[in-house]
PDB file of all heavy atoms in Angstrom:
ATOM      1  N   ILE A   1      83.701  -6.586-103.871  1.00  0.00           N
ATOM      2  CA  ILE A   1      82.563  -5.656-104.018  1.00  0.00           C
ATOM      3  C   ILE A   1      81.818  -5.502-102.689  1.00  0.00           C
ATOM      4  O   ILE A   1      81.479  -4.389-102.280  1.00  0.00           O
ATOM      5  CB  ILE A   1      81.603  -6.153-105.122  1.00  0.00           C
ATOM      6  CG1 ILE A   1      82.303  -6.107-106.480  1.00  0.00           C
ATOM      7  CG2 ILE A   1      80.343  -5.292-105.144  1.00  0.00           C
ATOM      8  CD1 ILE A   1      81.473  -6.640-107.624  1.00  0.00           C
ATOM      9  N   ILE A   2      81.585  -6.605-102.015  1.00  0.00           N
ATOM     10  CA  ILE A   2      80.897  -6.531-100.713  1.00  0.00           C
ATOM     11  C   ILE A   2      81.752  -5.773 -99.709  1.00  0.00           C
ATOM     12  O   ILE A   2      81.257  -4.953 -98.927  1.00  0.00           O
ATOM     13  CB  ILE A   2      80.576  -7.953-100.195  1.00  0.00           C
ATOM     14  CG1 ILE A   2      79.636  -8.667-101.161  1.00  0.00           C
ATOM     15  CG2 ILE A   2      79.951  -7.884 -98.804  1.00  0.00           C
ATOM     16  CD1 ILE A   2      79.372 -10.114-100.802  1.00  0.00           C
ATOM     17  N   SER A   3      83.073  -6.031 -99.733  1.00  0.00           N
ATOM     18  CA  SER A   3      83.993  -5.348 -98.828  1.00  0.00           C
ATOM     19  C   SER A   3      83.959  -3.835 -99.058  1.00  0.00           C
ATOM     20  O   SER A   3      83.877  -3.050 -98.113  1.00  0.00           O
ATOM     21  CB  SER A   3      85.410  -5.892 -99.031  1.00  0.00           C
ATOM     22  OG  SER A   3      86.331  -5.162 -98.242  1.00  0.00           O
ATOM     23  N   ALA A   4      84.023  -3.428-100.331  1.00  0.00           N
ATOM     24  CA  ALA A   4      83.997  -2.002-100.659  1.00  0.00           C
ATOM     25  C   ALA A   4      82.673  -1.371-100.238  1.00  0.00           C
ATOM     26  O   ALA A   4      82.629  -0.238 -99.747  1.00  0.00           O
ATOM     27  CB  ALA A   4      84.223  -1.813-102.163  1.00  0.00           C
ATOM     28  N   PHE A   5      81.589  -2.117-100.438  1.00  0.00           N
ATOM     29  CA  PHE A   5      80.261  -1.645-100.034  1.00  0.00           C
ATOM     30  C   PHE A   5      80.224  -1.360 -98.527  1.00  0.00           C
ATOM     31  O   PHE A   5      79.755  -0.309 -98.076  1.00  0.00           O
ATOM     32  CB  PHE A   5      79.219  -2.696-100.405  1.00  0.00           C
ATOM     33  CG  PHE A   5      77.825  -2.385 -99.915  1.00  0.00           C
ATOM     34  CD1 PHE A   5      76.952  -1.615-100.669  1.00  0.00           C
ATOM     35  CD2 PHE A   5      77.384  -2.875 -98.689  1.00  0.00           C
ATOM     36  CE1 PHE A   5      75.666  -1.333-100.210  1.00  0.00           C
ATOM     37  CE2 PHE A   5      76.112  -2.597 -98.231  1.00  0.00           C
ATOM     38  CZ  PHE A   5      75.244  -1.818 -98.988  1.00  0.00           C
ATOM     39  N   LEU A   6      80.723  -2.311 -97.734  1.00  0.00           N
ATOM     40  CA  LEU A   6      80.718  -2.146 -96.270  1.00  0.00           C
ATOM     41  C   LEU A   6      81.616  -0.986 -95.843  1.00  0.00           C
ATOM     42  O   LEU A   6      81.271  -0.219 -94.938  1.00  0.00           O
ATOM     43  CB  LEU A   6      81.164  -3.445 -95.601  1.00  0.00           C
ATOM     44  CG  LEU A   6      80.184  -4.612 -95.674  1.00  0.00           C
ATOM     45  CD1 LEU A   6      80.810  -5.873 -95.120  1.00  0.00           C
ATOM     46  CD2 LEU A   6      78.898  -4.268 -94.909  1.00  0.00           C
ATOM     47  N   PHE A   7      82.775  -0.875 -96.507  1.00  0.00           N
ATOM     48  CA  PHE A   7      83.683   0.233 -96.188  1.00  0.00           C
ATOM     49  C   PHE A   7      82.994   1.579 -96.434  1.00  0.00           C
ATOM     50  O   PHE A   7      83.016   2.477 -95.575  1.00  0.00           O
ATOM     51  CB  PHE A   7      84.938   0.150 -97.074  1.00  0.00           C
ATOM     52  CG  PHE A   7      86.128  -0.408 -96.372  1.00  0.00           C
ATOM     53  CD1 PHE A   7      86.627  -1.647 -96.707  1.00  0.00           C
ATOM     54  CD2 PHE A   7      86.748   0.302 -95.362  1.00  0.00           C
ATOM     55  CE1 PHE A   7      87.738  -2.179 -96.067  1.00  0.00           C
ATOM     56  CE2 PHE A   7      87.849  -0.219 -94.724  1.00  0.00           C
ATOM     57  CZ  PHE A   7      88.351  -1.464 -95.065  1.00  0.00           C
ATOM     58  N   TYR A   8      82.415   1.713 -97.616  1.00  0.00           N
ATOM     59  CA  TYR A   8      81.820   3.002 -98.011  1.00  0.00           C
ATOM     60  C   TYR A   8      80.678   3.393 -97.090  1.00  0.00           C
ATOM     61  O   TYR A   8      80.654   4.501 -96.541  1.00  0.00           O
ATOM     62  CB  TYR A   8      81.336   2.936 -99.456  1.00  0.00           C
ATOM     63  CG  TYR A   8      80.578   4.171 -99.891  1.00  0.00           C
ATOM     64  CD1 TYR A   8      81.254   5.338-100.216  1.00  0.00           C
ATOM     65  CD2 TYR A   8      79.177   4.162 -99.950  1.00  0.00           C
ATOM     66  CE1 TYR A   8      80.553   6.481-100.594  1.00  0.00           C
ATOM     67  CE2 TYR A   8      78.472   5.289-100.338  1.00  0.00           C
ATOM     68  CZ  TYR A   8      79.167   6.453-100.650  1.00  0.00           C
ATOM     69  OH  TYR A   8      78.469   7.573-101.020  1.00  0.00           O
ATOM     70  N   PHE A   9      79.724   2.500 -96.911  1.00  0.00           N
ATOM     71  CA  PHE A   9      78.547   2.848 -96.114  1.00  0.00           C
ATOM     72  C   PHE A   9      78.874   2.892 -94.621  1.00  0.00           C
ATOM     73  O   PHE A   9      78.260   3.653 -93.868  1.00  0.00           O
ATOM     74  CB  PHE A   9      77.405   1.870 -96.398  1.00  0.00           C
ATOM     75  CG  PHE A   9      76.750   2.116 -97.722  1.00  0.00           C
ATOM     76  CD1 PHE A   9      77.082   1.348 -98.833  1.00  0.00           C
ATOM     77  CD2 PHE A   9      75.832   3.150 -97.874  1.00  0.00           C
ATOM     78  CE1 PHE A   9      76.489   1.589-100.061  1.00  0.00           C
ATOM     79  CE2 PHE A   9      75.238   3.391 -99.107  1.00  0.00           C
ATOM     80  CZ  PHE A   9      75.563   2.611-100.209  1.00  0.00           C
ATOM     81  N   GLY A  10      79.857   2.082 -94.186  1.00  0.00           N
ATOM     82  CA  GLY A  10      80.282   2.165 -92.793  1.00  0.00           C
ATOM     83  C   GLY A  10      80.932   3.503 -92.495  1.00  0.00           C
ATOM     84  O   GLY A  10      80.641   4.144 -91.487  1.00  0.00           O
ATOM     85  N   TYR A  11      81.821   3.943 -93.386  1.00  0.00           N
ATOM     86  CA  TYR A  11      82.487   5.242 -93.209  1.00  0.00           C
ATOM     87  C   TYR A  11      81.468   6.383 -93.226  1.00  0.00           C
ATOM     88  O   TYR A  11      81.532   7.318 -92.418  1.00  0.00           O
ATOM     89  CB  TYR A  11      83.521   5.454 -94.308  1.00  0.00           C
ATOM     90  CG  TYR A  11      84.189   6.806 -94.257  1.00  0.00           C
ATOM     91  CD1 TYR A  11      85.241   7.057 -93.378  1.00  0.00           C
ATOM     92  CD2 TYR A  11      83.741   7.842 -95.076  1.00  0.00           C
ATOM     93  CE1 TYR A  11      85.843   8.313 -93.332  1.00  0.00           C
ATOM     94  CE2 TYR A  11      84.334   9.090 -95.030  1.00  0.00           C
ATOM     95  CZ  TYR A  11      85.389   9.328 -94.163  1.00  0.00           C
ATOM     96  OH  TYR A  11      85.974  10.567 -94.108  1.00  0.00           O
ATOM     97  N   LYS A  12      80.517   6.295 -94.158  1.00  0.00           N
ATOM     98  CA  LYS A  12      79.495   7.339 -94.264  1.00  0.00           C
ATOM     99  C   LYS A  12      78.644   7.404 -92.995  1.00  0.00           C
ATOM    100  O   LYS A  12      78.327   8.479 -92.486  1.00  0.00           O
ATOM    101  CB  LYS A  12      78.607   7.065 -95.479  1.00  0.00           C
ATOM    102  CG  LYS A  12      77.665   8.207 -95.820  1.00  0.00           C
ATOM    103  CD  LYS A  12      76.952   7.937 -97.145  1.00  0.00           C
ATOM    104  CE  LYS A  12      76.044   9.106 -97.511  1.00  0.00           C
ATOM    105  NZ  LYS A  12      75.338   8.862 -98.788  1.00  0.00           N
ATOM    106  N   LYS A  13      78.296   6.232 -92.450  1.00  0.00           N
ATOM    107  CA  LYS A  13      77.484   6.179 -91.232  1.00  0.00           C
ATOM    108  C   LYS A  13      78.256   6.782 -90.050  1.00  0.00           C
ATOM    109  O   LYS A  13      77.714   7.561 -89.267  1.00  0.00           O
ATOM    110  CB  LYS A  13      77.069   4.754 -90.926  1.00  0.00           C
ATOM    111  CG  LYS A  13      76.135   4.610 -89.715  1.00  0.00           C
ATOM    112  CD  LYS A  13      75.735   3.164 -89.514  1.00  0.00           C
ATOM    113  CE  LYS A  13      74.690   2.736 -90.509  1.00  0.00           C
ATOM    114  NZ  LYS A  13      73.376   3.401 -90.272  1.00  0.00           N
ATOM    115  N   VAL A  14      79.539   6.438 -89.930  1.00  0.00           N
ATOM    116  CA  VAL A  14      80.368   6.971 -88.838  1.00  0.00           C
ATOM    117  C   VAL A  14      80.514   8.486 -88.969  1.00  0.00           C
ATOM    118  O   VAL A  14      80.398   9.227 -87.991  1.00  0.00           O
ATOM    119  CB  VAL A  14      81.758   6.297 -88.823  1.00  0.00           C
ATOM    120  CG1 VAL A  14      82.692   7.021 -87.851  1.00  0.00           C
ATOM    121  CG2 VAL A  14      81.626   4.841 -88.424  1.00  0.00           C
ATOM    122  N   SER A  15      80.762   8.954 -90.179  1.00  0.00           N
ATOM    123  CA  SER A  15      80.953  10.384 -90.426  1.00  0.00           C
ATOM    124  C   SER A  15      79.696  11.179 -90.086  1.00  0.00           C
ATOM    125  O   SER A  15      79.749  12.206 -89.409  1.00  0.00           O
ATOM    126  CB  SER A  15      81.343  10.617 -91.887  1.00  0.00           C
ATOM    127  OG  SER A  15      81.504  11.988 -92.144  1.00  0.00           O
ATOM    128  N   ASN A  16      78.540  10.681 -90.558  1.00  0.00           N
ATOM    129  CA  ASN A  16      77.275  11.370 -90.275  1.00  0.00           C
ATOM    130  C   ASN A  16      76.938  11.331 -88.790  1.00  0.00           C
ATOM    131  O   ASN A  16      76.471  12.325 -88.216  1.00  0.00           O
ATOM    132  CB  ASN A  16      76.142  10.741 -91.075  1.00  0.00           C
ATOM    133  CG  ASN A  16      76.245  11.036 -92.559  1.00  0.00           C
ATOM    134  OD1 ASN A  16      76.906  11.989 -92.968  1.00  0.00           O
ATOM    135  ND2 ASN A  16      75.615  10.214 -93.383  1.00  0.00           N
ATOM    136  N   ALA A  17      77.201  10.169 -88.151  1.00  0.00           N
ATOM    137  CA  ALA A  17      76.900  10.043 -86.726  1.00  0.00           C
ATOM    138  C   ALA A  17      77.783  10.973 -85.907  1.00  0.00           C
ATOM    139  O   ALA A  17      77.331  11.561 -84.918  1.00  0.00           O
ATOM    140  CB  ALA A  17      77.096   8.595 -86.276  1.00  0.00           C
ATOM    141  N   LYS A  18      79.047  11.120 -86.304  1.00  0.00           N
ATOM    142  CA  LYS A  18      79.959  12.022 -85.592  1.00  0.00           C
ATOM    143  C   LYS A  18      79.468  13.465 -85.669  1.00  0.00           C
ATOM    144  O   LYS A  18      79.454  14.182 -84.665  1.00  0.00           O
ATOM    145  CB  LYS A  18      81.358  11.923 -86.187  1.00  0.00           C
ATOM    146  CG  LYS A  18      82.385  12.792 -85.488  1.00  0.00           C
ATOM    147  CD  LYS A  18      83.769  12.623 -86.104  1.00  0.00           C
ATOM    148  CE  LYS A  18      84.790  13.523 -85.397  1.00  0.00           C
ATOM    149  NZ  LYS A  18      86.141  13.378 -85.997  1.00  0.00           N
ATOM    150  N   LYS A  19      79.057  13.878 -86.862  1.00  0.00           N
ATOM    151  CA  LYS A  19      78.542  15.236 -87.042  1.00  0.00           C
ATOM    152  C   LYS A  19      77.259  15.441 -86.231  1.00  0.00           C
ATOM    153  O   LYS A  19      77.109  16.451 -85.518  1.00  0.00           O
ATOM    154  CB  LYS A  19      78.271  15.498 -88.521  1.00  0.00           C
ATOM    155  CG  LYS A  19      77.750  16.898 -88.812  1.00  0.00           C
ATOM    156  CD  LYS A  19      77.520  17.083 -90.310  1.00  0.00           C
ATOM    157  CE  LYS A  19      76.973  18.472 -90.605  1.00  0.00           C
ATOM    158  NZ  LYS A  19      76.715  18.662 -92.060  1.00  0.00           N
ATOM    159  N   ASP A  20      76.346  14.477 -86.308  1.00  0.00           N
ATOM    160  CA  ASP A  20      75.083  14.574 -85.575  1.00  0.00           C
ATOM    161  C   ASP A  20      75.313  14.558 -84.058  1.00  0.00           C
ATOM    162  O   ASP A  20      74.646  15.272 -83.316  1.00  0.00           O
ATOM    163  CB  ASP A  20      74.153  13.419 -85.954  1.00  0.00           C
ATOM    164  CG  ASP A  20      73.649  13.529 -87.382  1.00  0.00           C
ATOM    165  OD1 ASP A  20      73.790  14.607 -87.979  1.00  0.00           O
ATOM    166  OD2 ASP A  20      73.136  12.517 -87.896  1.00  0.00           O
ATOM    167  N   LEU A  21      76.281  13.756 -83.616  1.00  0.00           N
ATOM    168  CA  LEU A  21      76.559  13.636 -82.183  1.00  0.00           C
ATOM    169  C   LEU A  21      77.147  14.935 -81.650  1.00  0.00           C
ATOM    170  O   LEU A  21      76.798  15.376 -80.551  1.00  0.00           O
ATOM    171  CB  LEU A  21      77.509  12.473 -81.932  1.00  0.00           C
ATOM    172  CG  LEU A  21      77.761  12.055 -80.478  1.00  0.00           C
ATOM    173  CD1 LEU A  21      76.453  11.719 -79.774  1.00  0.00           C
ATOM    174  CD2 LEU A  21      78.697  10.846 -80.436  1.00  0.00           C
ATOM    175  N   ARG A  22      78.019  15.538 -82.409  1.00  0.00           N
ATOM    176  CA  ARG A  22      78.612  16.820 -82.009  1.00  0.00           C
ATOM    177  C   ARG A  22      77.537  17.895 -81.872  1.00  0.00           C
ATOM    178  O   ARG A  22      77.497  18.641 -80.892  1.00  0.00           O
ATOM    179  CB  ARG A  22      79.660  17.249 -83.032  1.00  0.00           C
ATOM    180  CG  ARG A  22      80.265  18.639 -82.771  1.00  0.00           C
ATOM    181  CD  ARG A  22      81.324  18.955 -83.823  1.00  0.00           C
ATOM    182  NE  ARG A  22      81.800  20.314 -83.693  1.00  0.00           N
ATOM    183  CZ  ARG A  22      81.257  21.364 -84.313  1.00  0.00           C
ATOM    184  NH1 ARG A  22      80.201  21.174 -85.116  1.00  0.00           N
ATOM    185  NH2 ARG A  22      81.729  22.577 -84.141  1.00  0.00           N
ATOM    186  N   LEU A  23      76.642  17.967 -82.866  1.00  0.00           N
ATOM    187  CA  LEU A  23      75.571  18.967 -82.820  1.00  0.00           C
ATOM    188  C   LEU A  23      74.591  18.679 -81.687  1.00  0.00           C
ATOM    189  O   LEU A  23      74.102  19.609 -81.031  1.00  0.00           O
ATOM    190  CB  LEU A  23      74.837  19.012 -84.160  1.00  0.00           C
ATOM    191  CG  LEU A  23      75.636  19.570 -85.338  1.00  0.00           C
ATOM    192  CD1 LEU A  23      74.833  19.445 -86.627  1.00  0.00           C
ATOM    193  CD2 LEU A  23      76.023  21.031 -85.103  1.00  0.00           C
ATOM    194  N   LEU A  24      74.307  17.396 -81.446  1.00  0.00           N
ATOM    195  CA  LEU A  24      73.397  17.031 -80.364  1.00  0.00           C
ATOM    196  C   LEU A  24      74.002  17.391 -79.009  1.00  0.00           C
ATOM    197  O   LEU A  24      73.299  17.885 -78.122  1.00  0.00           O
ATOM    198  CB  LEU A  24      73.091  15.532 -80.423  1.00  0.00           C
ATOM    199  CG  LEU A  24      72.137  14.985 -79.348  1.00  0.00           C
ATOM    200  CD1 LEU A  24      70.791  15.700 -79.404  1.00  0.00           C
ATOM    201  CD2 LEU A  24      71.960  13.480 -79.510  1.00  0.00           C
ATOM    202  N   TYR A  25      75.304  17.137 -78.850  1.00  0.00           N
ATOM    203  CA  TYR A  25      75.984  17.513 -77.611  1.00  0.00           C
ATOM    204  C   TYR A  25      75.841  19.015 -77.357  1.00  0.00           C
ATOM    205  O   TYR A  25      75.521  19.453 -76.251  1.00  0.00           O
ATOM    206  CB  TYR A  25      77.469  17.132 -77.681  1.00  0.00           C
ATOM    207  CG  TYR A  25      78.261  17.613 -76.490  1.00  0.00           C
ATOM    208  CD1 TYR A  25      78.407  16.810 -75.367  1.00  0.00           C
ATOM    209  CD2 TYR A  25      78.848  18.881 -76.480  1.00  0.00           C
ATOM    210  CE1 TYR A  25      79.119  17.262 -74.261  1.00  0.00           C
ATOM    211  CE2 TYR A  25      79.559  19.344 -75.386  1.00  0.00           C
ATOM    212  CZ  TYR A  25      79.689  18.520 -74.279  1.00  0.00           C
ATOM    213  OH  TYR A  25      80.376  18.987 -73.194  1.00  0.00           O
ATOM    214  N   LYS A  26      76.072  19.812 -78.396  1.00  0.00           N
ATOM    215  CA  LYS A  26      75.985  21.268 -78.254  1.00  0.00           C
ATOM    216  C   LYS A  26      74.550  21.704 -77.950  1.00  0.00           C
ATOM    217  O   LYS A  26      74.336  22.652 -77.200  1.00  0.00           O
ATOM    218  CB  LYS A  26      76.515  21.950 -79.512  1.00  0.00           C
ATOM    219  CG  LYS A  26      78.027  21.832 -79.669  1.00  0.00           C
ATOM    220  CD  LYS A  26      78.489  22.451 -80.973  1.00  0.00           C
ATOM    221  CE  LYS A  26      80.000  22.326 -81.145  1.00  0.00           C
ATOM    222  NZ  LYS A  26      80.750  23.219 -80.252  1.00  0.00           N
ATOM    223  N   GLN A  27      73.586  21.009 -78.548  1.00  0.00           N
ATOM    224  CA  GLN A  27      72.186  21.353 -78.280  1.00  0.00           C
ATOM    225  C   GLN A  27      71.839  21.090 -76.817  1.00  0.00           C
ATOM    226  O   GLN A  27      71.219  21.924 -76.155  1.00  0.00           O
ATOM    227  CB  GLN A  27      71.271  20.539 -79.183  1.00  0.00           C
ATOM    228  CG  GLN A  27      69.786  20.802 -78.936  1.00  0.00           C
ATOM    229  CD  GLN A  27      68.888  19.870 -79.739  1.00  0.00           C
ATOM    230  OE1 GLN A  27      69.304  19.265 -80.713  1.00  0.00           O
ATOM    231  NE2 GLN A  27      67.643  19.736 -79.318  1.00  0.00           N
TER     232      GLN A  27
END
């Protein structure tokens, strides 16, 4: 359960950061 929790929220954090970083670069 802890492993799945870390996977899910880690993936979500990376995905959101990638999107935000791309938009910030363009800005």
